[in-house]
């Protein structure tokens, strides 16, 4: 981590010190410090992996999740498969 990054992390940690985790996350959300797109990608990948572990096929998990999130099948599919490509899994 670079020195500038350390300074930014220190400021963030100082602002959430003595707060519970939900309070800290809520504060960061309100201040625009969390990336909604990144959080959506995290949710999509974890939820699809969870559903597959519980016996659902990947395509079915993607289909169901896209309906639940009111977004396109293609969006969820792209997130799931781009993650795998980024990890070098084919």
C-alpha atoms as a PDB file:
ATOM      1  CA  UNK A   1       0.000   0.000   0.000  1.00  0.00           C
ATOM      2  CA  UNK A   2       1.340   3.395  -0.965  1.00  0.00           C
ATOM      3  CA  UNK A   3       1.770   6.193   1.546  1.00  0.00           C
ATOM      4  CA  UNK A   4      -1.162   8.161   0.109  1.00  0.00           C
ATOM      5  CA  UNK A   5      -3.401   5.095   0.339  1.00  0.00           C
ATOM      6  CA  UNK A   6      -2.354   4.598   3.953  1.00  0.00           C
ATOM      7  CA  UNK A   7      -3.322   8.192   4.733  1.00  0.00           C
ATOM      8  CA  UNK A   8      -6.755   7.687   3.176  1.00  0.00           C
ATOM      9  CA  UNK A   9      -7.312   4.432   5.035  1.00  0.00           C
ATOM     10  CA  UNK A  10      -6.237   6.098   8.288  1.00  0.00           C
ATOM     11  CA  UNK A  11      -8.780   8.896   7.796  1.00  0.00           C
ATOM     12  CA  UNK A  12     -11.494   6.359   7.080  1.00  0.00           C
ATOM     13  CA  UNK A  13     -10.624   4.254  10.114  1.00  0.00           C
ATOM     14  CA  UNK A  14     -10.555   7.326  12.351  1.00  0.00           C
ATOM     15  CA  UNK A  15     -14.059   8.246  11.154  1.00  0.00           C
ATOM     16  CA  UNK A  16     -15.533   4.823  11.884  1.00  0.00           C
ATOM     17  CA  UNK A  17     -13.680   4.162  15.134  1.00  0.00           C
ATOM     18  CA  UNK A  18     -16.038   3.370  18.026  1.00  0.00           C
ATOM     19  CA  UNK A  19     -18.907   2.592  15.639  1.00  0.00           C
ATOM     20  CA  UNK A  20     -20.484  -0.812  15.177  1.00  0.00           C
ATOM     21  CA  UNK A  21     -19.947  -2.438  11.795  1.00  0.00           C
ATOM     22  CA  UNK A  22     -23.509  -1.656  10.594  1.00  0.00           C
ATOM     23  CA  UNK A  23     -23.106   1.981  11.721  1.00  0.00           C
ATOM     24  CA  UNK A  24     -19.739   2.264   9.969  1.00  0.00           C
ATOM     25  CA  UNK A  25     -21.066   0.809   6.723  1.00  0.00           C
ATOM     26  CA  UNK A  26     -24.149   3.036   6.877  1.00  0.00           C
ATOM     27  CA  UNK A  27     -21.986   6.111   7.400  1.00  0.00           C
ATOM     28  CA  UNK A  28     -19.706   5.168   4.502  1.00  0.00           C
ATOM     29  CA  UNK A  29     -22.765   4.542   2.273  1.00  0.00           C
ATOM     30  CA  UNK A  30     -24.302   7.942   3.118  1.00  0.00           C
ATOM     31  CA  UNK A  31     -21.001   9.703   2.421  1.00  0.00           C
ATOM     32  CA  UNK A  32     -20.630   7.994  -0.952  1.00  0.00           C
ATOM     33  CA  UNK A  33     -17.523   6.083   0.079  1.00  0.00           C
ATOM     34  CA  UNK A  34     -18.820   2.717  -1.118  1.00  0.00           C
ATOM     35  CA  UNK A  35     -18.956   1.719  -4.759  1.00  0.00           C
ATOM     36  CA  UNK A  36     -22.468   0.469  -5.551  1.00  0.00           C
ATOM     37  CA  UNK A  37     -21.375  -1.336  -8.738  1.00  0.00           C
ATOM     38  CA  UNK A  38     -18.612  -3.176  -6.900  1.00  0.00           C
ATOM     39  CA  UNK A  39     -21.042  -4.163  -4.144  1.00  0.00           C
ATOM     40  CA  UNK A  40     -23.527  -5.448  -6.741  1.00  0.00           C
ATOM     41  CA  UNK A  41     -20.776  -7.543  -8.351  1.00  0.00           C
ATOM     42  CA  UNK A  42     -19.811  -8.936  -4.954  1.00  0.00           C
ATOM     43  CA  UNK A  43     -23.440  -9.787  -4.159  1.00  0.00           C
ATOM     44  CA  UNK A  44     -24.037 -11.406  -7.555  1.00  0.00           C
ATOM     45  CA  UNK A  45     -20.951 -13.604  -7.462  1.00  0.00           C
ATOM     46  CA  UNK A  46     -21.509 -14.709  -3.862  1.00  0.00           C
ATOM     47  CA  UNK A  47     -25.219 -15.373  -4.370  1.00  0.00           C
ATOM     48  CA  UNK A  48     -24.693 -17.409  -7.542  1.00  0.00           C
ATOM     49  CA  UNK A  49     -21.916 -19.423  -5.858  1.00  0.00           C
ATOM     50  CA  UNK A  50     -24.199 -20.030  -2.842  1.00  0.00           C
ATOM     51  CA  UNK A  51     -27.073 -21.225  -5.047  1.00  0.00           C
ATOM     52  CA  UNK A  52     -24.796 -23.524  -7.054  1.00  0.00           C
ATOM     53  CA  UNK A  53     -23.424 -25.036  -3.828  1.00  0.00           C
ATOM     54  CA  UNK A  54     -27.022 -25.708  -2.821  1.00  0.00           C
ATOM     55  CA  UNK A  55     -27.758 -27.660  -5.991  1.00  0.00           C
ATOM     56  CA  UNK A  56     -29.057 -25.094  -8.451  1.00  0.00           C
ATOM     57  CA  UNK A  57     -27.483 -25.036 -11.911  1.00  0.00           C
ATOM     58  CA  UNK A  58     -25.443 -21.952 -12.668  1.00  0.00           C
ATOM     59  CA  UNK A  59     -27.737 -20.849 -15.496  1.00  0.00           C
ATOM     60  CA  UNK A  60     -30.820 -21.263 -13.266  1.00  0.00           C
ATOM     61  CA  UNK A  61     -29.125 -19.353 -10.448  1.00  0.00           C
ATOM     62  CA  UNK A  62     -28.295 -16.530 -12.869  1.00  0.00           C
ATOM     63  CA  UNK A  63     -31.863 -16.515 -14.195  1.00  0.00           C
ATOM     64  CA  UNK A  64     -33.456 -16.428 -10.746  1.00  0.00           C
ATOM     65  CA  UNK A  65     -31.063 -13.786  -9.454  1.00  0.00           C
ATOM     66  CA  UNK A  66     -31.609 -11.523 -12.461  1.00  0.00           C
ATOM     67  CA  UNK A  67     -35.369 -11.638 -11.807  1.00  0.00           C
ATOM     68  CA  UNK A  68     -34.908 -10.946  -8.086  1.00  0.00           C
ATOM     69  CA  UNK A  69     -32.613  -7.996  -8.811  1.00  0.00           C
ATOM     70  CA  UNK A  70     -34.810  -6.713 -11.663  1.00  0.00           C
ATOM     71  CA  UNK A  71     -31.916  -6.682 -14.080  1.00  0.00           C
ATOM     72  CA  UNK A  72     -31.040  -8.556 -17.232  1.00  0.00           C
ATOM     73  CA  UNK A  73     -29.812 -12.128 -17.379  1.00  0.00           C
ATOM     74  CA  UNK A  74     -26.894 -10.816 -19.444  1.00  0.00           C
ATOM     75  CA  UNK A  75     -25.794  -8.419 -16.675  1.00  0.00           C
ATOM     76  CA  UNK A  76     -25.687 -11.173 -14.041  1.00  0.00           C
ATOM     77  CA  UNK A  77     -24.058 -13.617 -16.454  1.00  0.00           C
ATOM     78  CA  UNK A  78     -21.372 -11.084 -17.415  1.00  0.00           C
ATOM     79  CA  UNK A  79     -20.521 -10.470 -13.753  1.00  0.00           C
ATOM     80  CA  UNK A  80     -20.305 -14.201 -13.012  1.00  0.00           C
ATOM     81  CA  UNK A  81     -18.144 -15.078 -16.004  1.00  0.00           C
ATOM     82  CA  UNK A  82     -15.952 -11.964 -15.943  1.00  0.00           C
ATOM     83  CA  UNK A  83     -15.012 -12.852 -12.375  1.00  0.00           C
ATOM     84  CA  UNK A  84     -13.925 -16.302 -13.482  1.00  0.00           C
ATOM     85  CA  UNK A  85     -11.906 -14.876 -16.361  1.00  0.00           C
ATOM     86  CA  UNK A  86     -10.228 -12.382 -14.030  1.00  0.00           C
ATOM     87  CA  UNK A  87      -9.202 -15.265 -11.766  1.00  0.00           C
ATOM     88  CA  UNK A  88      -7.801 -17.184 -14.711  1.00  0.00           C
ATOM     89  CA  UNK A  89     -10.386 -19.980 -14.476  1.00  0.00           C
ATOM     90  CA  UNK A  90     -11.812 -21.084 -17.803  1.00  0.00           C
END
